[in-house]
């Protein structure tokens, strides 16, 4: 075990630094550099991290998609399309037990496929839907749990920033990951709808129906819904359709999406200099955070591998012994536990480069490329739970910040339990049936 002392010290120091509250990017880079100095790693070796940062991050064409997709999501959220769509869905489902719940789930799926900005989705639905649901007698636990869970679908359903980072870290085609995530994303959204339908049928008092509308009003609501759905559907087809058809790369489709979101904001009368400046500023902040964490993670991983970290991880998971599925379960279990304390960015940039080679050496009866695509989507489904699991689930605090008085964090914590279980059920289904992930990429291949 002596040969693994320094990698162990690095991991412990990393966790301590993060829990103390230092910025993750500086903790990663600082731990790497300080450990290299103390462990007598040649200074010239650290220069390899400089070349990796330049070639793998700063000049990486793929990563240009990150600011473009972030800008697309922010601009689309400010265009008011999501607000109109939520109102149309609520009017269409009015008079049905659980009508508002169905509307929230559908808008969560649509926004996930067109924005992918978790904070914006949760805050928007929390501000617009939660007070109405409470006013109509909905169980606060169901309301808050559904809004938080539906708002996090954007981290899985493409276009997803997390999938771009995963693809870059695992050297997997982002286009294949986008296509592979469609099945699990729809499966998870479907599970939410089934759960809501079950509650509406067997416990309608927890989600009472709003007042009935006249037939003419219901038809008018459906008409408005069709019109409001047109813009996001066109944008989704323009972004994802070009990737699936092989017409554009993810980076090129991100540019199409950014331009399309600006045009939609213009046609909605919401495009102004203030809106554009705010969107650009928020895009810059989000992109800078991700890039700086990637730079720190590069320094950390270079030193970690130099000191034998890869061998330590292989020994930890006993890659040459036992069942491949047991090793996979251990990795996914580790990621799930880390999700209680860390963000997806940290887990993706620190853990994934370490465990991906381990999984690449296992035999699941799939081709090497299919194995990595499947594993990446398993990680994405697993990482989605990190937004919901206490104590540091970001979606929970986004929602708490806009929740009406009387809806405490305890109510929100209890409300997300069924949805975390549904996410784990989806994770198990994807693990047992890889075709859920691989059917769409195989069509394009």
Protein backbone atom coordinates (compact mmCIF):
# COMPACT_ATOMS: atom_id res chain seq x y z
CA UNK A 1 0.00 0.00 0.00
CA UNK A 2 2.97 2.34 0.45
CA UNK A 3 3.12 3.06 -3.25
CA UNK A 4 -0.39 4.54 -3.05
CA UNK A 5 0.28 6.96 -0.21
CA UNK A 6 0.53 10.08 -2.38
CA UNK A 7 -2.61 9.39 -4.48
CA UNK A 8 -4.53 8.78 -1.24
CA UNK A 9 -3.22 12.02 0.24
CA UNK A 10 -4.29 13.87 -2.91
CA UNK A 11 -7.85 12.55 -2.70
CA UNK A 12 -8.14 13.34 1.00
CA UNK A 13 -6.73 16.84 0.51
CA UNK A 14 -9.13 17.41 -2.37
CA UNK A 15 -12.17 16.48 -0.28
CA UNK A 16 -11.02 18.61 2.66
CA UNK A 17 -10.40 21.61 0.41
CA UNK A 18 -13.85 21.33 -1.18
CA UNK A 19 -15.67 20.93 2.15
CA UNK A 20 -13.80 23.88 3.64
CA UNK A 21 -15.29 26.00 0.87
CA UNK A 22 -12.37 26.95 -1.33
CA UNK A 23 -13.15 27.33 -5.07
CA UNK A 24 -12.95 23.89 -6.65
CA UNK A 25 -10.74 24.99 -9.54
CA UNK A 26 -8.08 26.34 -7.18
CA UNK A 27 -8.31 23.31 -4.89
CA UNK A 28 -7.74 20.94 -7.82
CA UNK A 29 -4.82 22.86 -9.24
CA UNK A 30 -3.33 23.67 -5.84
CA UNK A 31 -3.45 20.10 -4.56
CA UNK A 32 -1.84 18.88 -7.77
CA UNK A 33 1.01 21.40 -7.72
CA UNK A 34 1.71 21.18 -3.97
CA UNK A 35 1.69 17.38 -4.04
CA UNK A 36 4.07 17.38 -7.00
CA UNK A 37 6.48 19.62 -5.10
CA UNK A 38 6.34 17.61 -1.86
CA UNK A 39 6.52 14.24 -3.64
CA UNK A 40 9.60 15.29 -5.63
CA UNK A 41 7.88 15.09 -9.01
CA UNK A 42 10.24 16.75 -11.53
CA UNK A 43 9.14 20.32 -12.21
CA UNK A 44 9.66 19.73 -15.93
CA UNK A 45 6.92 17.08 -15.74
CA UNK A 46 4.36 19.72 -14.75
CA UNK A 47 4.93 21.36 -18.13
CA UNK A 48 2.99 18.49 -19.69
CA UNK A 49 -0.13 19.85 -17.97
CA UNK A 50 0.40 23.17 -19.75
CA UNK A 51 0.35 21.51 -23.16
CA UNK A 52 -2.72 19.48 -22.17
CA UNK A 53 -4.52 22.60 -21.01
CA UNK A 54 -3.74 24.37 -24.27
CA UNK A 55 -4.53 21.51 -26.66
CA UNK A 56 -7.29 19.84 -24.66
CA UNK A 57 -9.18 22.88 -23.37
CA UNK A 58 -8.20 26.29 -24.73
CA UNK A 59 -8.07 25.22 -28.41
CA UNK A 60 -10.71 22.49 -28.17
CA UNK A 61 -13.30 23.17 -30.87
CA UNK A 62 -15.85 20.94 -29.14
CA UNK A 63 -15.93 23.05 -25.98
CA UNK A 64 -17.13 26.09 -27.93
CA UNK A 65 -20.54 24.41 -27.75
CA UNK A 66 -20.69 25.07 -24.00
CA UNK A 67 -21.08 28.89 -24.12
CA UNK A 68 -23.32 28.62 -27.19
CA UNK A 69 -25.74 26.20 -25.50
CA UNK A 70 -25.67 28.22 -22.26
CA UNK A 71 -26.46 31.39 -24.20
CA UNK A 72 -29.25 29.59 -26.09
CA UNK A 73 -30.86 28.47 -22.86
CA UNK A 74 -30.61 31.85 -21.16
CA UNK A 75 -31.94 33.71 -24.18
CA UNK A 76 -34.82 31.26 -24.63
CA UNK A 77 -35.74 31.54 -20.96
CA UNK A 78 -35.84 35.35 -21.26
CA UNK A 79 -37.94 35.19 -24.44
CA UNK A 80 -41.04 34.31 -22.41
CA UNK A 81 -41.79 31.17 -24.42
CA UNK A 82 -41.64 28.91 -21.37
CA UNK A 83 -44.04 31.15 -19.44
CA UNK A 84 -46.63 31.10 -22.24
CA UNK A 85 -46.25 27.36 -22.68
CA UNK A 86 -46.78 26.71 -18.98
CA UNK A 87 -49.97 28.78 -18.99
CA UNK A 88 -51.27 26.97 -22.07
CA UNK A 89 -50.54 23.56 -20.57
CA UNK A 90 -52.20 24.49 -17.28
CA UNK A 91 -55.32 25.69 -19.13
CA UNK A 92 -55.42 22.51 -21.24
CA UNK A 93 -55.21 20.19 -18.21
CA UNK A 94 -57.58 22.22 -16.06
CA UNK A 95 -60.43 20.14 -14.66
CA UNK A 96 -58.28 17.01 -14.53
CA UNK A 97 -56.96 15.70 -11.18
CA UNK A 98 -53.26 16.38 -11.20
CA UNK A 99 -53.64 18.73 -14.16
CA UNK A 100 -51.05 21.21 -12.95
CA UNK A 101 -48.68 18.34 -12.16
CA UNK A 102 -48.98 17.00 -15.71
CA UNK A 103 -48.37 20.52 -17.03
CA UNK A 104 -45.22 20.94 -14.92
CA UNK A 105 -43.83 17.59 -16.08
CA UNK A 106 -44.45 18.30 -19.75
CA UNK A 107 -42.95 21.78 -19.54
CA UNK A 108 -39.95 20.27 -17.74
CA UNK A 109 -39.37 17.88 -20.64
CA UNK A 110 -39.82 20.59 -23.28
CA UNK A 111 -37.58 23.07 -21.48
CA UNK A 112 -34.94 20.36 -20.96
CA UNK A 113 -34.82 19.74 -24.69
CA UNK A 114 -34.62 23.42 -25.53
CA UNK A 115 -32.74 25.15 -22.71
CA UNK A 116 -30.94 22.74 -20.38
CA UNK A 117 -30.41 25.50 -17.78
CA UNK A 118 -31.31 23.83 -14.48
CA UNK A 119 -31.49 26.92 -12.30
CA UNK A 120 -33.69 28.78 -14.77
CA UNK A 121 -36.10 25.84 -15.17
CA UNK A 122 -36.54 25.21 -11.44
CA UNK A 123 -36.89 28.90 -10.55
CA UNK A 124 -39.34 29.60 -13.37
CA UNK A 125 -41.65 26.71 -12.48
CA UNK A 126 -41.24 27.41 -8.78
CA UNK A 127 -42.35 31.01 -9.24
CA UNK A 128 -45.18 30.33 -11.69
CA UNK A 129 -46.56 26.88 -10.89
CA UNK A 130 -45.91 26.30 -7.17
CA UNK A 131 -48.13 29.12 -5.80
CA UNK A 132 -50.98 28.04 -8.09
CA UNK A 133 -50.61 24.39 -7.09
CA UNK A 134 -50.63 25.34 -3.40
CA UNK A 135 -53.68 27.55 -3.91
CA UNK A 136 -55.55 24.63 -5.49
CA UNK A 137 -54.86 22.33 -2.54
CA UNK A 138 -51.94 20.27 -3.86
CA UNK A 139 -49.83 18.31 -1.41
CA UNK A 140 -46.71 20.51 -0.92
CA UNK A 141 -44.43 17.46 -0.99
CA UNK A 142 -45.69 16.35 -4.41
CA UNK A 143 -45.59 19.90 -5.79
CA UNK A 144 -42.06 20.69 -4.68
CA UNK A 145 -40.66 17.26 -5.52
CA UNK A 146 -42.13 17.33 -9.02
CA UNK A 147 -40.92 20.85 -9.80
CA UNK A 148 -37.38 20.08 -8.59
CA UNK A 149 -37.23 16.75 -10.46
CA UNK A 150 -38.74 18.04 -13.71
CA UNK A 151 -36.44 21.05 -13.65
CA UNK A 152 -33.34 18.83 -13.55
CA UNK A 153 -34.21 16.89 -16.70
CA UNK A 154 -32.17 19.41 -18.67
CA UNK A 155 -28.92 17.96 -17.34
CA UNK A 156 -29.74 14.67 -19.12
CA UNK A 157 -31.96 15.44 -22.10
CA UNK A 158 -29.88 16.98 -24.92
CA UNK A 159 -28.65 19.57 -25.60
CA UNK A 160 -26.88 19.04 -22.28
CA UNK A 161 -23.69 20.78 -21.16
CA UNK A 162 -22.88 17.79 -18.97
CA UNK A 163 -22.90 15.46 -21.98
CA UNK A 164 -20.47 17.77 -23.79
CA UNK A 165 -18.06 17.66 -20.84
CA UNK A 166 -18.52 13.88 -20.48
CA UNK A 167 -17.85 13.34 -24.17
CA UNK A 168 -14.70 15.44 -23.98
CA UNK A 169 -13.39 13.67 -20.88
CA UNK A 170 -14.15 10.16 -22.16
CA UNK A 171 -13.17 10.81 -25.78
CA UNK A 172 -16.64 9.79 -26.95
CA UNK A 173 -18.63 11.43 -29.74
CA UNK A 174 -20.90 14.09 -28.23
CA UNK A 175 -23.33 13.53 -31.08
CA UNK A 176 -23.64 9.87 -30.08
CA UNK A 177 -24.13 10.88 -26.45
CA UNK A 178 -26.88 13.32 -27.43
CA UNK A 179 -28.65 10.58 -29.33
CA UNK A 180 -28.02 8.01 -26.60
CA UNK A 181 -29.54 10.27 -23.94
CA UNK A 182 -32.87 10.66 -25.75
CA UNK A 183 -34.18 7.24 -24.68
CA UNK A 184 -33.25 7.50 -20.97
CA UNK A 185 -34.47 11.11 -20.85
CA UNK A 186 -37.88 10.19 -22.23
CA UNK A 187 -37.97 7.12 -19.97
CA UNK A 188 -37.41 9.29 -16.91
CA UNK A 189 -39.98 11.84 -18.00
CA UNK A 190 -42.41 8.98 -18.67
CA UNK A 191 -41.83 7.58 -15.17
CA UNK A 192 -42.69 10.97 -13.71
CA UNK A 193 -45.92 11.07 -15.73
CA UNK A 194 -46.85 7.52 -14.68
CA UNK A 195 -46.23 8.39 -11.04
CA UNK A 196 -48.38 11.52 -11.29
CA UNK A 197 -51.14 9.53 -13.03
CA UNK A 198 -51.00 6.91 -10.25
CA UNK A 199 -51.43 9.58 -7.56
CA UNK A 200 -54.20 11.30 -9.55
CA UNK A 201 -56.15 8.04 -9.80
CA UNK A 202 -55.65 6.56 -6.34
CA UNK A 203 -55.14 9.69 -4.22
CA UNK A 204 -56.82 12.56 -6.11
CA UNK A 205 -57.19 14.55 -2.88
CA UNK A 206 -53.43 15.15 -2.98
CA UNK A 207 -53.75 16.78 -6.43
CA UNK A 208 -57.34 18.05 -6.74
CA UNK A 209 -58.69 19.18 -10.07
CA UNK A 210 -59.08 22.88 -10.74
CA UNK A 211 -62.42 24.27 -11.84
CA UNK A 212 -63.76 22.94 -15.15
CA UNK A 213 -63.71 25.09 -18.25
CA UNK A 214 -66.35 25.34 -20.90
CA UNK A 215 -65.77 23.30 -24.05
CA UNK A 216 -65.06 26.38 -26.14
CA UNK A 217 -62.43 27.52 -23.70
CA UNK A 218 -60.85 24.05 -23.63
CA UNK A 219 -60.61 24.05 -27.43
CA UNK A 220 -59.14 27.53 -27.35
CA UNK A 221 -56.60 26.39 -24.75
CA UNK A 222 -55.55 23.47 -26.95
CA UNK A 223 -55.18 25.84 -29.88
CA UNK A 224 -52.97 28.16 -27.84
CA UNK A 225 -50.94 25.16 -26.69
CA UNK A 226 -50.26 24.09 -30.27
CA UNK A 227 -49.15 27.61 -31.19
CA UNK A 228 -46.93 27.94 -28.10
CA UNK A 229 -45.38 24.54 -28.72
CA UNK A 230 -44.42 25.41 -32.27
CA UNK A 231 -41.42 27.63 -31.44
CA UNK A 232 -39.62 25.28 -29.00
CA UNK A 233 -40.33 22.26 -31.21
CA UNK A 234 -38.80 24.01 -34.22
CA UNK A 235 -35.76 24.97 -32.14
CA UNK A 236 -35.38 21.39 -30.83
CA UNK A 237 -35.56 20.00 -34.35
CA UNK A 238 -33.08 22.58 -35.60
CA UNK A 239 -30.55 21.67 -32.90
CA UNK A 240 -31.00 17.94 -32.36
CA UNK A 241 -32.31 17.15 -35.83
CA UNK A 242 -29.19 18.46 -37.52
CA UNK A 243 -27.02 16.32 -35.24
CA UNK A 244 -29.05 13.13 -35.74
CA UNK A 245 -29.17 13.69 -39.49
CA UNK A 246 -25.41 14.19 -39.58
CA UNK A 247 -25.79 17.65 -41.10
CA UNK A 248 -24.02 19.51 -38.27
CA UNK A 249 -21.62 18.80 -35.44
CA UNK A 250 -22.71 19.57 -31.85
CA UNK A 251 -20.72 22.82 -31.98
CA UNK A 252 -22.38 23.89 -35.23
CA UNK A 253 -25.82 22.91 -33.94
CA UNK A 254 -25.14 24.97 -30.80
CA UNK A 255 -24.52 28.00 -33.02
CA UNK A 256 -27.81 27.31 -34.81
CA UNK A 257 -29.57 27.08 -31.44
CA UNK A 258 -28.04 30.33 -30.18
CA UNK A 259 -29.14 32.19 -33.30
CA UNK A 260 -32.59 30.58 -33.17
CA UNK A 261 -33.07 31.59 -29.53
CA UNK A 262 -32.17 35.19 -30.37
CA UNK A 263 -34.67 35.22 -33.22
CA UNK A 264 -37.40 33.82 -30.98
CA UNK A 265 -36.66 36.51 -28.39
CA UNK A 266 -36.81 39.13 -31.16
CA UNK A 267 -40.16 37.88 -32.47
CA UNK A 268 -41.49 37.77 -28.90
CA UNK A 269 -40.57 41.41 -28.38
CA UNK A 270 -38.21 40.51 -25.53
CA UNK A 271 -34.87 41.13 -27.27
CA UNK A 272 -33.26 44.29 -25.91
CA UNK A 273 -29.75 45.50 -25.20
CA UNK A 274 -30.29 44.82 -21.49
CA UNK A 275 -31.48 41.25 -22.14
CA UNK A 276 -28.59 40.57 -24.49
CA UNK A 277 -26.00 42.02 -22.09
CA UNK A 278 -27.38 40.04 -19.14
CA UNK A 279 -27.40 36.80 -21.14
CA UNK A 280 -23.83 37.36 -22.32
CA UNK A 281 -22.62 38.15 -18.81
CA UNK A 282 -24.27 35.04 -17.32
CA UNK A 283 -22.93 32.93 -20.18
CA UNK A 284 -19.41 34.19 -19.54
CA UNK A 285 -19.64 33.47 -15.81
CA UNK A 286 -20.94 29.92 -16.32
CA UNK A 287 -18.42 29.10 -19.05
CA UNK A 288 -15.50 30.56 -17.05
CA UNK A 289 -16.44 28.45 -14.04
CA UNK A 290 -16.48 25.25 -16.10
CA UNK A 291 -13.23 26.05 -17.95
CA UNK A 292 -11.34 26.94 -14.76
CA UNK A 293 -12.47 23.69 -13.13
CA UNK A 294 -11.30 21.81 -16.23
CA UNK A 295 -7.88 23.49 -16.01
CA UNK A 296 -7.54 22.59 -12.32
CA UNK A 297 -8.70 19.03 -12.97
CA UNK A 298 -6.11 18.64 -15.73
CA UNK A 299 -3.28 19.57 -13.35
CA UNK A 300 -4.68 17.29 -10.65
CA UNK A 301 -5.09 14.28 -12.96
CA UNK A 302 -1.59 14.63 -14.48
CA UNK A 303 0.06 14.50 -11.05
CA UNK A 304 -2.37 11.86 -9.74
CA UNK A 305 -1.52 9.48 -12.58
CA UNK A 306 2.20 10.20 -12.30
CA UNK A 307 2.08 9.09 -8.65
CA UNK A 308 0.26 5.82 -9.41
CA UNK A 309 -3.34 6.87 -9.01
CA UNK A 310 -4.55 4.78 -11.94
CA UNK A 311 -3.07 1.61 -10.43
CA UNK A 312 -4.67 2.42 -7.09
CA UNK A 313 -8.10 2.76 -8.68
CA UNK A 314 -7.69 -0.51 -10.59
CA UNK A 315 -6.78 -2.29 -7.37
CA UNK A 316 -9.69 -0.64 -5.56
CA UNK A 317 -12.23 -1.93 -8.05
CA UNK A 318 -10.41 -5.25 -8.57
CA UNK A 319 -10.77 -4.82 -12.31
CA UNK A 320 -9.27 -8.20 -13.10
CA UNK A 321 -11.53 -10.15 -10.75
CA UNK A 322 -15.22 -10.80 -10.27
CA UNK A 323 -18.20 -9.73 -12.36
CA UNK A 324 -18.01 -6.65 -14.62
CA UNK A 325 -21.43 -5.64 -13.38
CA UNK A 326 -20.19 -5.72 -9.79
CA UNK A 327 -17.41 -3.29 -10.69
CA UNK A 328 -19.94 -1.12 -12.55
CA UNK A 329 -22.26 -1.14 -9.53
CA UNK A 330 -19.37 -0.08 -7.26
CA UNK A 331 -18.51 2.83 -9.56
CA UNK A 332 -22.11 4.00 -9.89
CA UNK A 333 -22.57 3.65 -6.13
CA UNK A 334 -19.49 5.81 -5.55
CA UNK A 335 -20.77 8.46 -7.96
CA UNK A 336 -24.20 8.42 -6.30
CA UNK A 337 -22.68 8.97 -2.84
CA UNK A 338 -20.40 11.74 -4.11
CA UNK A 339 -23.49 13.40 -5.57
CA UNK A 340 -24.67 14.14 -2.02
CA UNK A 341 -21.72 16.48 -1.56
CA UNK A 342 -20.25 17.48 -4.94
CA UNK A 343 -21.50 19.09 -8.15
CA UNK A 344 -21.65 17.23 -11.44
CA UNK A 345 -18.77 19.35 -12.79
CA UNK A 346 -16.44 18.21 -10.02
CA UNK A 347 -17.44 14.55 -10.28
CA UNK A 348 -17.18 14.56 -14.07
CA UNK A 349 -13.76 16.19 -14.21
CA UNK A 350 -12.17 14.36 -11.28
CA UNK A 351 -13.77 10.92 -11.06
CA UNK A 352 -14.65 10.13 -14.68
CA UNK A 353 -11.09 10.28 -16.11
CA UNK A 354 -10.03 7.88 -13.35
CA UNK A 355 -12.82 5.28 -13.64
CA UNK A 356 -13.42 5.41 -17.41
CA UNK A 357 -10.31 3.31 -18.24
CA UNK A 358 -11.45 0.75 -15.65
CA UNK A 359 -14.82 0.34 -17.37
CA UNK A 360 -13.12 0.32 -20.77
CA UNK A 361 -11.27 -2.82 -19.70
CA UNK A 362 -14.43 -4.74 -18.77
CA UNK A 363 -16.44 -7.07 -21.00
CA UNK A 364 -20.17 -6.36 -21.11
CA UNK A 365 -20.75 -8.07 -24.44
CA UNK A 366 -20.68 -4.71 -26.27
CA UNK A 367 -18.18 -3.13 -28.61
CA UNK A 368 -15.66 -0.79 -26.93
CA UNK A 369 -17.35 2.30 -28.42
CA UNK A 370 -20.83 1.16 -27.37
CA UNK A 371 -19.56 0.35 -23.88
CA UNK A 372 -18.27 3.88 -23.38
CA UNK A 373 -21.43 5.51 -24.77
CA UNK A 374 -23.58 3.35 -22.49
CA UNK A 375 -21.37 4.04 -19.48
CA UNK A 376 -21.40 7.79 -20.14
CA UNK A 377 -25.21 7.86 -20.18
CA UNK A 378 -25.33 5.74 -17.01
CA UNK A 379 -23.14 8.37 -15.38
CA UNK A 380 -25.39 11.15 -16.71
CA UNK A 381 -28.52 9.54 -15.25
CA UNK A 382 -26.66 8.96 -11.99
CA UNK A 383 -25.29 12.50 -11.84
CA UNK A 384 -28.76 13.94 -12.33
CA UNK A 385 -29.63 12.74 -8.84
CA UNK A 386 -26.88 15.00 -7.43
CA UNK A 387 -29.19 17.98 -8.08
CA UNK A 388 -31.87 16.44 -5.84
CA UNK A 389 -30.05 14.64 -3.04
CA UNK A 390 -29.56 16.56 0.21
CA UNK A 391 -27.73 18.22 1.80
CA UNK A 392 -26.28 20.05 -1.22
CA UNK A 393 -28.76 19.36 -4.02
CA UNK A 394 -28.77 22.62 -5.96
CA UNK A 395 -32.31 22.23 -7.31
CA UNK A 396 -33.59 22.04 -3.74
CA UNK A 397 -32.05 25.39 -2.83
CA UNK A 398 -33.13 27.01 -6.12
CA UNK A 399 -36.69 25.99 -5.27
CA UNK A 400 -36.46 26.99 -1.62
CA UNK A 401 -35.40 30.46 -2.68
CA UNK A 402 -38.67 31.08 -4.56
CA UNK A 403 -41.08 28.88 -2.57
CA UNK A 404 -44.04 30.54 -0.80
CA UNK A 405 -43.87 31.06 2.98
CA UNK A 406 -44.58 27.86 4.86
CA UNK A 407 -42.80 25.59 2.38
CA UNK A 408 -39.65 24.78 4.28
CA UNK A 409 -36.58 22.85 3.22
CA UNK A 410 -37.84 19.82 5.17
CA UNK A 411 -40.95 19.63 2.99
CA UNK A 412 -38.79 19.84 -0.12
CA UNK A 413 -36.42 17.14 1.17
CA UNK A 414 -39.33 14.76 1.77
CA UNK A 415 -40.93 15.64 -1.54
CA UNK A 416 -37.97 14.60 -3.68
CA UNK A 417 -37.65 11.10 -2.19
CA UNK A 418 -40.08 9.39 -4.66
CA UNK A 419 -38.41 11.11 -7.60
CA UNK A 420 -34.92 10.07 -6.52
CA UNK A 421 -36.26 6.50 -6.35
CA UNK A 422 -37.67 6.90 -9.86
CA UNK A 423 -34.29 8.11 -11.07
CA UNK A 424 -32.63 5.06 -9.53
CA UNK A 425 -35.24 2.85 -11.22
CA UNK A 426 -34.39 4.48 -14.56
CA UNK A 427 -30.69 3.98 -13.83
CA UNK A 428 -31.30 0.27 -13.17
CA UNK A 429 -33.33 -0.07 -16.37
CA UNK A 430 -30.60 1.56 -18.45
CA UNK A 431 -27.95 -0.64 -16.79
CA UNK A 432 -29.89 -3.83 -17.51
CA UNK A 433 -31.03 -2.84 -21.01
CA UNK A 434 -28.24 -1.01 -22.88
CA UNK A 435 -30.43 -0.83 -26.00
CA UNK A 436 -32.35 2.01 -24.35
CA UNK A 437 -29.19 4.03 -24.91
CA UNK A 438 -27.73 2.45 -28.02
CA UNK A 439 -30.72 2.09 -30.36
CA UNK A 440 -30.63 5.64 -31.70
CA UNK A 441 -26.83 5.93 -32.13
CA UNK A 442 -26.88 2.57 -33.95
CA UNK A 443 -29.36 3.95 -36.49
CA UNK A 444 -27.03 6.81 -37.38
CA UNK A 445 -24.00 4.51 -37.43
